[in-house]
Amino acid sequence: MGRSPRHDLTVRDATPGDAAALRMLLLDANAGDYFPSFIRMNGFDHVVLYGKAPSWTVIIIREGVVALEDGTPYAGMDNIDMREAIARDTGGTWARNLAMVNITRAGENGVLASGVMAGPKAIYARGGPGAKMGSLGLKAIVTLAQTHEFPTAQPYKPYNRVIAQKLISSTGGNQFALHRLNENVDRE
């Protein structure tokens, strides 16, 4: 396991030349909840995983320090039970200093349509990432860090009004959809 200068988290038992494999990725999914922000607050921009753990594993990132911990006590747990157990075992509080992505029994069993849970209702699902995470022997990635502001590539607040005005003044798109929706409501 190593941490590169770009603050990427890399868990590997493969060769450094495997970066070429990243360019051939077919999985892509997104979801809401706190995990992306909390992983960034821990100082990491993305997670790259290689190899298979010898038994169920949970990656815990606490204030930027990475630990691989035994995940077998969580095997067989679905999302809600696992969230309760992780909060109890780590002493964290969801949305305050604790976030997690985890698989359920479907991912453990390699169900090809399984997703990765990002919260109580949020899920990364496109491409079956739960099956992939399960094939690595990874039950969860847990982040613990105090929340704080971090610099963005471009300050976003000054642009909120500009974006809103562009949406309002557009001649198609959303206005057309709203107009069509209103037409359908008027007919009913």
N, C-alpha and C. Protein backbone atom coordinates (compact mmCIF):
# COMPACT_ATOMS: atom_id res chain seq x y z
N MET A 1 0.86 -1.16 0.00
CA MET A 1 0.00 0.00 0.00
C MET A 1 0.90 1.21 0.00
N GLY A 2 0.56 2.21 -0.78
CA GLY A 2 1.38 3.40 -0.82
C GLY A 2 0.56 4.65 -1.03
N ARG A 3 1.19 5.75 -0.80
CA ARG A 3 0.52 7.02 -0.99
C ARG A 3 1.40 7.85 -1.91
N SER A 4 0.89 8.19 -3.07
CA SER A 4 1.69 8.91 -4.04
C SER A 4 1.65 10.40 -3.73
N PRO A 5 2.50 11.20 -4.38
CA PRO A 5 2.49 12.64 -4.13
C PRO A 5 1.16 13.31 -4.43
N ARG A 6 0.32 12.71 -5.28
CA ARG A 6 -0.98 13.32 -5.59
C ARG A 6 -2.03 12.94 -4.57
N HIS A 7 -1.65 12.29 -3.50
CA HIS A 7 -2.56 11.87 -2.43
C HIS A 7 -3.60 10.86 -2.91
N ASP A 8 -3.18 9.97 -3.80
CA ASP A 8 -4.05 8.88 -4.21
C ASP A 8 -3.86 7.73 -3.24
N LEU A 9 -4.89 7.00 -2.98
CA LEU A 9 -4.77 5.80 -2.17
C LEU A 9 -4.63 4.64 -3.13
N THR A 10 -3.56 3.88 -3.00
CA THR A 10 -3.33 2.75 -3.87
C THR A 10 -3.08 1.52 -3.02
N VAL A 11 -3.92 0.52 -3.17
CA VAL A 11 -3.71 -0.76 -2.50
C VAL A 11 -3.28 -1.70 -3.61
N ARG A 12 -2.05 -2.22 -3.52
CA ARG A 12 -1.56 -2.98 -4.66
C ARG A 12 -0.76 -4.19 -4.26
N ASP A 13 -0.88 -5.21 -5.09
CA ASP A 13 0.07 -6.31 -5.12
C ASP A 13 0.33 -6.63 -6.58
N ALA A 14 0.24 -5.59 -7.40
CA ALA A 14 0.51 -5.69 -8.83
C ALA A 14 1.70 -4.81 -9.16
N THR A 15 2.12 -4.84 -10.39
CA THR A 15 3.30 -4.07 -10.78
C THR A 15 2.92 -2.63 -11.07
N PRO A 16 3.87 -1.70 -10.93
CA PRO A 16 3.57 -0.29 -11.22
C PRO A 16 3.13 -0.06 -12.66
N GLY A 17 3.47 -0.95 -13.58
CA GLY A 17 3.07 -0.80 -14.97
C GLY A 17 1.58 -0.99 -15.19
N ASP A 18 0.85 -1.36 -14.14
CA ASP A 18 -0.58 -1.60 -14.29
C ASP A 18 -1.38 -0.31 -14.43
N ALA A 19 -0.73 0.84 -14.42
CA ALA A 19 -1.45 2.10 -14.64
C ALA A 19 -2.15 2.07 -16.00
N ALA A 20 -1.59 1.33 -16.94
CA ALA A 20 -2.23 1.21 -18.25
C ALA A 20 -3.61 0.58 -18.13
N ALA A 21 -3.78 -0.29 -17.15
CA ALA A 21 -5.08 -0.93 -16.96
C ALA A 21 -6.14 0.09 -16.59
N LEU A 22 -5.77 1.16 -15.90
CA LEU A 22 -6.73 2.19 -15.53
C LEU A 22 -7.35 2.84 -16.75
N ARG A 23 -6.59 2.92 -17.83
CA ARG A 23 -7.12 3.54 -19.04
C ARG A 23 -8.13 2.65 -19.74
N MET A 24 -8.23 1.40 -19.32
CA MET A 24 -9.14 0.46 -19.96
C MET A 24 -10.34 0.17 -19.06
N LEU A 25 -10.56 0.97 -18.03
CA LEU A 25 -11.68 0.75 -17.11
C LEU A 25 -13.01 0.80 -17.83
N LEU A 26 -13.89 -0.11 -17.48
CA LEU A 26 -15.23 -0.10 -18.04
C LEU A 26 -16.27 0.27 -17.00
N LEU A 27 -15.91 0.26 -15.72
CA LEU A 27 -16.84 0.61 -14.68
C LEU A 27 -16.86 2.12 -14.45
N ASP A 28 -18.05 2.65 -14.35
CA ASP A 28 -18.20 4.06 -14.03
C ASP A 28 -19.56 4.21 -13.37
N ALA A 29 -19.59 4.78 -12.18
CA ALA A 29 -20.85 4.98 -11.49
C ALA A 29 -20.70 6.17 -10.56
N ASN A 30 -21.82 6.75 -10.19
CA ASN A 30 -21.77 7.82 -9.20
C ASN A 30 -23.00 7.74 -8.31
N ALA A 31 -22.88 8.33 -7.13
CA ALA A 31 -23.98 8.32 -6.17
C ALA A 31 -23.81 9.53 -5.26
N GLY A 32 -24.79 9.76 -4.47
CA GLY A 32 -24.73 10.88 -3.53
C GLY A 32 -24.09 10.47 -2.22
N ASP A 33 -24.45 11.13 -1.17
CA ASP A 33 -24.00 10.93 0.19
C ASP A 33 -22.62 11.53 0.42
N TYR A 34 -21.98 11.20 1.52
CA TYR A 34 -20.81 11.93 2.01
C TYR A 34 -19.46 11.35 1.64
N PHE A 35 -19.40 10.13 1.16
CA PHE A 35 -18.10 9.47 0.96
C PHE A 35 -17.13 10.26 0.09
N PRO A 36 -17.52 10.78 -1.07
CA PRO A 36 -16.54 11.52 -1.88
C PRO A 36 -15.92 12.72 -1.14
N SER A 37 -16.73 13.46 -0.42
CA SER A 37 -16.20 14.61 0.33
C SER A 37 -15.31 14.17 1.47
N PHE A 38 -15.71 13.10 2.16
CA PHE A 38 -14.92 12.65 3.30
C PHE A 38 -13.60 12.03 2.86
N ILE A 39 -13.58 11.35 1.72
CA ILE A 39 -12.31 10.79 1.25
C ILE A 39 -11.36 11.94 0.91
N ARG A 40 -11.91 13.02 0.35
CA ARG A 40 -11.10 14.21 0.04
C ARG A 40 -10.63 14.90 1.31
N MET A 41 -11.48 14.96 2.34
CA MET A 41 -11.06 15.57 3.60
C MET A 41 -9.95 14.78 4.27
N ASN A 42 -9.81 13.51 3.92
CA ASN A 42 -8.72 12.69 4.41
C ASN A 42 -7.46 12.86 3.57
N GLY A 43 -7.54 13.69 2.53
CA GLY A 43 -6.36 13.99 1.73
C GLY A 43 -6.18 13.15 0.49
N PHE A 44 -7.22 12.41 0.08
CA PHE A 44 -7.11 11.55 -1.09
C PHE A 44 -8.04 12.03 -2.19
N ASP A 45 -7.58 11.92 -3.42
CA ASP A 45 -8.39 12.32 -4.57
C ASP A 45 -9.15 11.15 -5.17
N HIS A 46 -8.59 9.96 -5.15
CA HIS A 46 -9.30 8.78 -5.63
C HIS A 46 -8.66 7.53 -5.04
N VAL A 47 -9.36 6.41 -5.21
CA VAL A 47 -8.92 5.14 -4.66
C VAL A 47 -8.68 4.18 -5.82
N VAL A 48 -7.54 3.51 -5.80
CA VAL A 48 -7.22 2.50 -6.81
C VAL A 48 -6.91 1.22 -6.06
N LEU A 49 -7.59 0.14 -6.41
CA LEU A 49 -7.42 -1.13 -5.71
C LEU A 49 -6.88 -2.19 -6.65
N TYR A 50 -5.92 -2.96 -6.18
CA TYR A 50 -5.34 -4.07 -6.95
C TYR A 50 -5.34 -5.31 -6.08
N GLY A 51 -5.45 -6.46 -6.69
CA GLY A 51 -5.27 -7.72 -5.98
C GLY A 51 -6.48 -8.15 -5.19
N LYS A 52 -6.37 -9.31 -4.55
CA LYS A 52 -7.45 -9.87 -3.74
C LYS A 52 -6.95 -10.07 -2.32
N ALA A 53 -7.74 -9.62 -1.37
CA ALA A 53 -7.41 -9.81 0.04
C ALA A 53 -7.58 -11.29 0.40
N PRO A 54 -6.78 -11.80 1.32
CA PRO A 54 -6.90 -13.21 1.70
C PRO A 54 -8.21 -13.54 2.43
N SER A 55 -8.82 -12.55 3.08
CA SER A 55 -10.12 -12.72 3.72
C SER A 55 -10.84 -11.37 3.64
N TRP A 56 -12.09 -11.34 4.06
CA TRP A 56 -12.84 -10.09 4.00
C TRP A 56 -12.08 -8.99 4.73
N THR A 57 -11.97 -7.84 4.06
CA THR A 57 -11.18 -6.73 4.56
C THR A 57 -12.00 -5.45 4.55
N VAL A 58 -11.75 -4.60 5.52
CA VAL A 58 -12.31 -3.25 5.56
C VAL A 58 -11.13 -2.29 5.58
N ILE A 59 -11.14 -1.33 4.65
CA ILE A 59 -10.13 -0.28 4.66
C ILE A 59 -10.68 0.85 5.51
N ILE A 60 -9.92 1.24 6.52
CA ILE A 60 -10.33 2.36 7.37
C ILE A 60 -9.31 3.47 7.19
N ILE A 61 -9.79 4.64 6.79
CA ILE A 61 -8.94 5.81 6.61
C ILE A 61 -9.35 6.81 7.69
N ARG A 62 -8.47 6.96 8.67
CA ARG A 62 -8.77 7.82 9.82
C ARG A 62 -7.79 8.98 9.82
N GLU A 63 -8.31 10.19 9.58
CA GLU A 63 -7.48 11.40 9.55
C GLU A 63 -6.28 11.23 8.63
N GLY A 64 -6.51 10.59 7.47
CA GLY A 64 -5.46 10.44 6.46
C GLY A 64 -4.57 9.23 6.61
N VAL A 65 -4.75 8.45 7.67
CA VAL A 65 -3.95 7.25 7.90
C VAL A 65 -4.76 6.03 7.48
N VAL A 66 -4.17 5.19 6.63
CA VAL A 66 -4.86 4.04 6.07
C VAL A 66 -4.53 2.78 6.85
N ALA A 67 -5.57 2.00 7.17
CA ALA A 67 -5.38 0.71 7.85
C ALA A 67 -6.26 -0.33 7.17
N LEU A 68 -5.71 -1.52 6.99
CA LEU A 68 -6.49 -2.66 6.50
C LEU A 68 -6.91 -3.46 7.73
N GLU A 69 -8.21 -3.63 7.92
CA GLU A 69 -8.69 -4.33 9.10
C GLU A 69 -9.54 -5.52 8.70
N ASP A 70 -9.68 -6.45 9.62
CA ASP A 70 -10.45 -7.66 9.39
C ASP A 70 -11.91 -7.31 9.14
N GLY A 71 -12.44 -7.76 8.02
CA GLY A 71 -13.82 -7.49 7.69
C GLY A 71 -14.74 -8.66 7.92
N THR A 72 -14.21 -9.79 8.41
CA THR A 72 -15.05 -10.98 8.59
C THR A 72 -16.21 -10.76 9.57
N PRO A 73 -16.07 -9.92 10.61
CA PRO A 73 -17.25 -9.71 11.47
C PRO A 73 -18.42 -9.06 10.73
N TYR A 74 -18.15 -8.42 9.61
CA TYR A 74 -19.20 -7.73 8.85
C TYR A 74 -19.73 -8.57 7.69
N ALA A 75 -19.11 -9.69 7.42
CA ALA A 75 -19.55 -10.54 6.30
C ALA A 75 -20.99 -10.99 6.54
N GLY A 76 -21.78 -10.94 5.49
CA GLY A 76 -23.19 -11.32 5.58
C GLY A 76 -24.11 -10.19 5.99
N MET A 77 -23.54 -9.06 6.39
CA MET A 77 -24.38 -7.92 6.79
C MET A 77 -24.83 -7.14 5.57
N ASP A 78 -26.07 -6.71 5.60
CA ASP A 78 -26.54 -5.80 4.58
C ASP A 78 -26.31 -4.38 5.06
N ASN A 79 -26.72 -3.42 4.24
CA ASN A 79 -26.32 -2.03 4.41
C ASN A 79 -26.67 -1.43 5.78
N ILE A 80 -27.91 -1.52 6.19
CA ILE A 80 -28.33 -0.85 7.43
C ILE A 80 -27.64 -1.46 8.64
N ASP A 81 -27.58 -2.80 8.72
CA ASP A 81 -26.90 -3.46 9.84
C ASP A 81 -25.42 -3.10 9.86
N MET A 82 -24.81 -3.04 8.69
CA MET A 82 -23.38 -2.71 8.63
C MET A 82 -23.13 -1.28 9.07
N ARG A 83 -23.99 -0.36 8.67
CA ARG A 83 -23.83 1.04 9.09
C ARG A 83 -23.90 1.15 10.62
N GLU A 84 -24.82 0.44 11.23
CA GLU A 84 -24.92 0.46 12.69
C GLU A 84 -23.66 -0.11 13.34
N ALA A 85 -23.16 -1.23 12.80
CA ALA A 85 -21.98 -1.88 13.36
C ALA A 85 -20.73 -1.01 13.20
N ILE A 86 -20.56 -0.41 12.03
CA ILE A 86 -19.37 0.43 11.78
C ILE A 86 -19.39 1.66 12.70
N ALA A 87 -20.54 2.30 12.83
CA ALA A 87 -20.63 3.47 13.72
C ALA A 87 -20.30 3.07 15.15
N ARG A 88 -20.81 1.95 15.60
CA ARG A 88 -20.52 1.46 16.95
C ARG A 88 -19.03 1.13 17.11
N ASP A 89 -18.46 0.41 16.14
CA ASP A 89 -17.08 -0.07 16.25
C ASP A 89 -16.03 1.04 16.08
N THR A 90 -16.35 2.07 15.32
CA THR A 90 -15.37 3.15 15.09
C THR A 90 -15.59 4.34 16.01
N GLY A 91 -16.78 4.44 16.60
CA GLY A 91 -17.09 5.60 17.44
C GLY A 91 -17.41 6.84 16.61
N GLY A 92 -17.62 6.65 15.31
CA GLY A 92 -17.93 7.79 14.43
C GLY A 92 -19.40 8.12 14.39
N THR A 93 -19.70 9.27 13.82
CA THR A 93 -21.08 9.73 13.65
C THR A 93 -21.30 10.02 12.17
N TRP A 94 -22.29 9.36 11.58
CA TRP A 94 -22.58 9.54 10.15
C TRP A 94 -22.80 11.01 9.83
N ALA A 95 -22.24 11.46 8.73
CA ALA A 95 -22.36 12.81 8.19
C ALA A 95 -21.64 13.86 9.03
N ARG A 96 -21.13 13.50 10.18
CA ARG A 96 -20.36 14.44 11.00
C ARG A 96 -18.87 14.18 10.80
N ASN A 97 -18.46 12.93 10.96
CA ASN A 97 -17.06 12.59 10.76
C ASN A 97 -16.88 11.20 10.16
N LEU A 98 -17.97 10.56 9.75
CA LEU A 98 -17.93 9.18 9.29
C LEU A 98 -18.68 9.03 7.98
N ALA A 99 -18.06 8.35 7.02
CA ALA A 99 -18.71 8.00 5.76
C ALA A 99 -18.16 6.65 5.32
N MET A 100 -18.91 5.97 4.45
CA MET A 100 -18.50 4.62 4.05
C MET A 100 -19.10 4.26 2.71
N VAL A 101 -18.37 3.44 1.97
CA VAL A 101 -18.94 2.70 0.84
C VAL A 101 -18.76 1.24 1.20
N ASN A 102 -19.78 0.43 0.93
CA ASN A 102 -19.73 -0.98 1.30
C ASN A 102 -20.57 -1.82 0.37
N ILE A 103 -20.28 -3.11 0.39
CA ILE A 103 -21.10 -4.03 -0.39
C ILE A 103 -22.03 -4.78 0.55
N THR A 104 -23.06 -5.32 -0.03
CA THR A 104 -24.01 -6.14 0.72
C THR A 104 -23.74 -7.61 0.38
N ARG A 105 -24.64 -8.50 0.79
CA ARG A 105 -24.46 -9.93 0.49
C ARG A 105 -24.42 -10.18 -1.00
N ALA A 106 -25.13 -9.36 -1.79
CA ALA A 106 -25.10 -9.56 -3.24
C ALA A 106 -23.68 -9.39 -3.78
N GLY A 107 -22.98 -8.35 -3.34
CA GLY A 107 -21.60 -8.16 -3.76
C GLY A 107 -20.69 -9.26 -3.25
N GLU A 108 -20.92 -9.69 -2.01
CA GLU A 108 -20.12 -10.78 -1.45
C GLU A 108 -20.25 -12.04 -2.29
N ASN A 109 -21.45 -12.26 -2.83
CA ASN A 109 -21.72 -13.47 -3.61
C ASN A 109 -21.49 -13.29 -5.10
N GLY A 110 -20.95 -12.15 -5.50
CA GLY A 110 -20.59 -11.93 -6.90
C GLY A 110 -21.76 -11.73 -7.84
N VAL A 111 -22.89 -11.27 -7.33
CA VAL A 111 -24.04 -10.99 -8.20
C VAL A 111 -23.64 -9.86 -9.14
N LEU A 112 -23.68 -10.12 -10.43
CA LEU A 112 -23.13 -9.19 -11.42
C LEU A 112 -23.83 -7.83 -11.45
N ALA A 113 -25.06 -7.77 -10.98
CA ALA A 113 -25.78 -6.49 -10.97
C ALA A 113 -25.70 -5.80 -9.62
N SER A 114 -24.84 -6.28 -8.72
CA SER A 114 -24.77 -5.69 -7.37
C SER A 114 -24.06 -4.35 -7.39
N GLY A 115 -24.49 -3.49 -6.48
CA GLY A 115 -23.91 -2.16 -6.39
C GLY A 115 -23.07 -2.00 -5.14
N VAL A 116 -22.54 -0.81 -4.98
CA VAL A 116 -21.78 -0.43 -3.80
C VAL A 116 -22.60 0.64 -3.09
N MET A 117 -22.96 0.38 -1.85
CA MET A 117 -23.78 1.32 -1.10
C MET A 117 -22.93 2.51 -0.67
N ALA A 118 -23.47 3.71 -0.86
CA ALA A 118 -22.76 4.93 -0.49
C ALA A 118 -23.43 5.62 0.69
N GLY A 119 -24.52 5.11 1.15
CA GLY A 119 -25.28 5.69 2.25
C GLY A 119 -26.47 4.80 2.51
N PRO A 120 -27.41 5.25 3.33
CA PRO A 120 -28.56 4.40 3.60
C PRO A 120 -29.42 4.15 2.36
N LYS A 121 -29.41 5.09 1.41
CA LYS A 121 -30.22 4.92 0.20
C LYS A 121 -29.43 5.16 -1.08
N ALA A 122 -28.23 5.69 -1.00
CA ALA A 122 -27.43 6.01 -2.18
C ALA A 122 -26.62 4.78 -2.60
N ILE A 123 -26.51 4.57 -3.93
CA ILE A 123 -25.81 3.39 -4.42
C ILE A 123 -25.06 3.70 -5.72
N TYR A 124 -23.83 3.21 -5.79
CA TYR A 124 -23.08 3.20 -7.04
C TYR A 124 -23.47 1.89 -7.72
N ALA A 125 -24.15 1.95 -8.86
CA ALA A 125 -24.69 0.71 -9.41
C ALA A 125 -24.26 0.40 -10.84
N ARG A 126 -23.96 1.40 -11.63
CA ARG A 126 -23.67 1.17 -13.05
C ARG A 126 -22.45 0.27 -13.22
N GLY A 127 -22.62 -0.85 -13.90
CA GLY A 127 -21.51 -1.75 -14.19
C GLY A 127 -21.30 -2.84 -13.16
N GLY A 128 -22.11 -2.91 -12.13
CA GLY A 128 -21.96 -3.95 -11.12
C GLY A 128 -20.72 -3.84 -10.26
N PRO A 129 -20.42 -2.65 -9.72
CA PRO A 129 -19.20 -2.50 -8.92
C PRO A 129 -19.20 -3.31 -7.62
N GLY A 130 -20.37 -3.69 -7.12
CA GLY A 130 -20.42 -4.51 -5.92
C GLY A 130 -19.78 -5.87 -6.14
N ALA A 131 -20.02 -6.45 -7.32
CA ALA A 131 -19.39 -7.74 -7.65
C ALA A 131 -17.89 -7.59 -7.75
N LYS A 132 -17.42 -6.49 -8.31
CA LYS A 132 -15.98 -6.27 -8.43
C LYS A 132 -15.35 -6.09 -7.05
N MET A 133 -15.99 -5.27 -6.21
CA MET A 133 -15.47 -5.06 -4.87
C MET A 133 -15.45 -6.37 -4.09
N GLY A 134 -16.51 -7.18 -4.26
CA GLY A 134 -16.56 -8.48 -3.61
C GLY A 134 -15.47 -9.41 -4.09
N SER A 135 -15.16 -9.35 -5.38
CA SER A 135 -14.11 -10.22 -5.93
C SER A 135 -12.74 -9.87 -5.37
N LEU A 136 -12.59 -8.65 -4.87
CA LEU A 136 -11.33 -8.22 -4.24
C LEU A 136 -11.27 -8.60 -2.76
N GLY A 137 -12.39 -9.08 -2.22
CA GLY A 137 -12.44 -9.38 -0.80
C GLY A 137 -12.58 -8.14 0.07
N LEU A 138 -13.07 -7.06 -0.54
CA LEU A 138 -13.20 -5.79 0.17
C LEU A 138 -14.66 -5.56 0.55
N LYS A 139 -14.95 -5.56 1.84
CA LYS A 139 -16.32 -5.36 2.31
C LYS A 139 -16.68 -3.88 2.37
N ALA A 140 -15.71 -3.02 2.73
CA ALA A 140 -16.03 -1.60 2.87
C ALA A 140 -14.78 -0.75 2.87
N ILE A 141 -14.98 0.52 2.54
CA ILE A 141 -13.98 1.56 2.76
C ILE A 141 -14.65 2.58 3.67
N VAL A 142 -14.05 2.80 4.83
CA VAL A 142 -14.61 3.68 5.84
C VAL A 142 -13.69 4.88 5.99
N THR A 143 -14.26 6.08 6.05
CA THR A 143 -13.47 7.28 6.26
C THR A 143 -13.92 7.96 7.55
N LEU A 144 -12.94 8.38 8.33
CA LEU A 144 -13.20 9.14 9.55
C LEU A 144 -12.31 10.36 9.51
N ALA A 145 -12.91 11.52 9.53
CA ALA A 145 -12.16 12.77 9.54
C ALA A 145 -13.09 13.89 9.98
N GLN A 146 -12.54 14.85 10.67
CA GLN A 146 -13.33 16.02 11.01
C GLN A 146 -13.62 16.80 9.74
N THR A 147 -14.82 17.29 9.61
CA THR A 147 -15.17 18.05 8.42
C THR A 147 -14.44 19.39 8.44
N HIS A 148 -14.09 19.84 7.26
CA HIS A 148 -13.44 21.14 7.11
C HIS A 148 -13.55 21.57 5.65
N GLU A 149 -13.37 22.83 5.42
CA GLU A 149 -13.37 23.35 4.05
C GLU A 149 -12.06 22.97 3.40
N PHE A 150 -12.10 22.73 2.11
CA PHE A 150 -10.87 22.51 1.38
C PHE A 150 -10.97 23.27 0.07
N PRO A 151 -9.83 23.68 -0.47
CA PRO A 151 -9.86 24.51 -1.68
C PRO A 151 -10.42 23.74 -2.86
N THR A 152 -11.22 24.44 -3.64
CA THR A 152 -11.74 23.85 -4.87
C THR A 152 -10.92 24.36 -6.04
N ALA A 153 -11.02 23.67 -7.14
CA ALA A 153 -10.27 24.09 -8.32
C ALA A 153 -10.70 25.48 -8.76
N GLN A 154 -11.99 25.77 -8.58
CA GLN A 154 -12.51 27.07 -8.95
C GLN A 154 -13.60 27.41 -7.93
N PRO A 155 -13.49 28.52 -7.25
CA PRO A 155 -14.56 28.85 -6.29
C PRO A 155 -15.93 28.81 -7.00
N TYR A 156 -16.87 28.12 -6.42
CA TYR A 156 -18.14 27.88 -7.10
C TYR A 156 -19.23 28.86 -6.73
N LYS A 157 -19.24 29.41 -5.53
CA LYS A 157 -20.35 30.27 -5.12
C LYS A 157 -20.58 31.46 -6.04
N PRO A 158 -19.53 32.16 -6.50
CA PRO A 158 -19.78 33.30 -7.39
C PRO A 158 -20.47 32.90 -8.70
N TYR A 159 -20.40 31.64 -9.08
CA TYR A 159 -20.97 31.20 -10.35
C TYR A 159 -22.39 30.67 -10.22
N ASN A 160 -22.88 30.47 -9.00
CA ASN A 160 -24.23 29.94 -8.83
C ASN A 160 -25.28 30.82 -9.51
N ARG A 161 -25.19 32.13 -9.33
CA ARG A 161 -26.17 33.04 -9.93
C ARG A 161 -26.04 33.02 -11.46
N VAL A 162 -24.82 32.99 -11.97
CA VAL A 162 -24.60 32.96 -13.42
C VAL A 162 -25.22 31.70 -14.01
N ILE A 163 -25.00 30.56 -13.36
CA ILE A 163 -25.57 29.30 -13.85
C ILE A 163 -27.09 29.36 -13.81
N ALA A 164 -27.65 29.86 -12.73
CA ALA A 164 -29.11 29.96 -12.61
C ALA A 164 -29.69 30.85 -13.70
N GLN A 165 -29.02 31.97 -13.98
CA GLN A 165 -29.52 32.87 -15.02
C GLN A 165 -29.45 32.21 -16.39
N LYS A 166 -28.42 31.45 -16.65
CA LYS A 166 -28.32 30.74 -17.93
C LYS A 166 -29.44 29.73 -18.07
N LEU A 167 -29.76 29.04 -16.98
CA LEU A 167 -30.85 28.07 -17.04
C LEU A 167 -32.19 28.76 -17.28
N ILE A 168 -32.42 29.87 -16.60
CA ILE A 168 -33.69 30.59 -16.74
C ILE A 168 -33.83 31.19 -18.13
N SER A 169 -32.74 31.71 -18.68
CA SER A 169 -32.83 32.39 -19.97
C SER A 169 -32.70 31.44 -21.17
N SER A 170 -32.52 30.16 -20.92
CA SER A 170 -32.37 29.24 -22.06
C SER A 170 -33.68 29.20 -22.85
N THR A 171 -33.56 28.99 -24.12
CA THR A 171 -34.75 29.00 -24.97
C THR A 171 -35.31 27.61 -25.18
N GLY A 172 -34.63 26.60 -24.73
CA GLY A 172 -35.12 25.23 -24.89
C GLY A 172 -34.90 24.49 -23.60
N GLY A 173 -34.62 23.25 -23.72
CA GLY A 173 -34.25 22.44 -22.57
C GLY A 173 -35.26 22.46 -21.46
N ASN A 174 -34.88 23.02 -20.31
CA ASN A 174 -35.72 22.98 -19.12
C ASN A 174 -37.04 23.71 -19.30
N GLN A 175 -37.01 24.88 -19.97
CA GLN A 175 -38.26 25.62 -20.16
C GLN A 175 -39.21 24.80 -21.03
N PHE A 176 -38.67 24.14 -22.04
CA PHE A 176 -39.51 23.32 -22.90
C PHE A 176 -40.11 22.17 -22.10
N ALA A 177 -39.29 21.54 -21.28
CA ALA A 177 -39.77 20.42 -20.47
C ALA A 177 -40.83 20.90 -19.49
N LEU A 178 -40.64 22.06 -18.86
CA LEU A 178 -41.63 22.59 -17.94
C LEU A 178 -42.92 22.95 -18.68
N HIS A 179 -42.78 23.55 -19.85
CA HIS A 179 -43.95 23.91 -20.65
C HIS A 179 -44.74 22.65 -21.01
N ARG A 180 -44.04 21.60 -21.46
CA ARG A 180 -44.71 20.36 -21.84
C ARG A 180 -45.37 19.73 -20.61
N LEU A 181 -44.71 19.79 -19.46
CA LEU A 181 -45.28 19.25 -18.23
C LEU A 181 -46.54 20.01 -17.89
N ASN A 182 -46.51 21.35 -17.95
CA ASN A 182 -47.69 22.14 -17.65
C ASN A 182 -48.83 21.84 -18.61
N GLU A 183 -48.52 21.63 -19.90
CA GLU A 183 -49.56 21.28 -20.87
C GLU A 183 -50.24 19.99 -20.46
N ASN A 184 -49.44 19.00 -20.05
CA ASN A 184 -50.01 17.70 -19.66
C ASN A 184 -50.85 17.83 -18.39
N VAL A 185 -50.42 18.64 -17.46
CA VAL A 185 -51.19 18.82 -16.21
C VAL A 185 -52.51 19.52 -16.53
N ASP A 186 -52.48 20.53 -17.44
CA ASP A 186 -53.69 21.26 -17.79
C ASP A 186 -54.71 20.33 -18.45
N ARG A 187 -54.25 19.32 -19.16
CA ARG A 187 -55.17 18.40 -19.87
C ARG A 187 -55.85 17.43 -18.94
N GLU A 188 -55.25 17.18 -17.79
CA GLU A 188 -55.81 16.16 -16.89
C GLU A 188 -56.94 16.71 -16.06
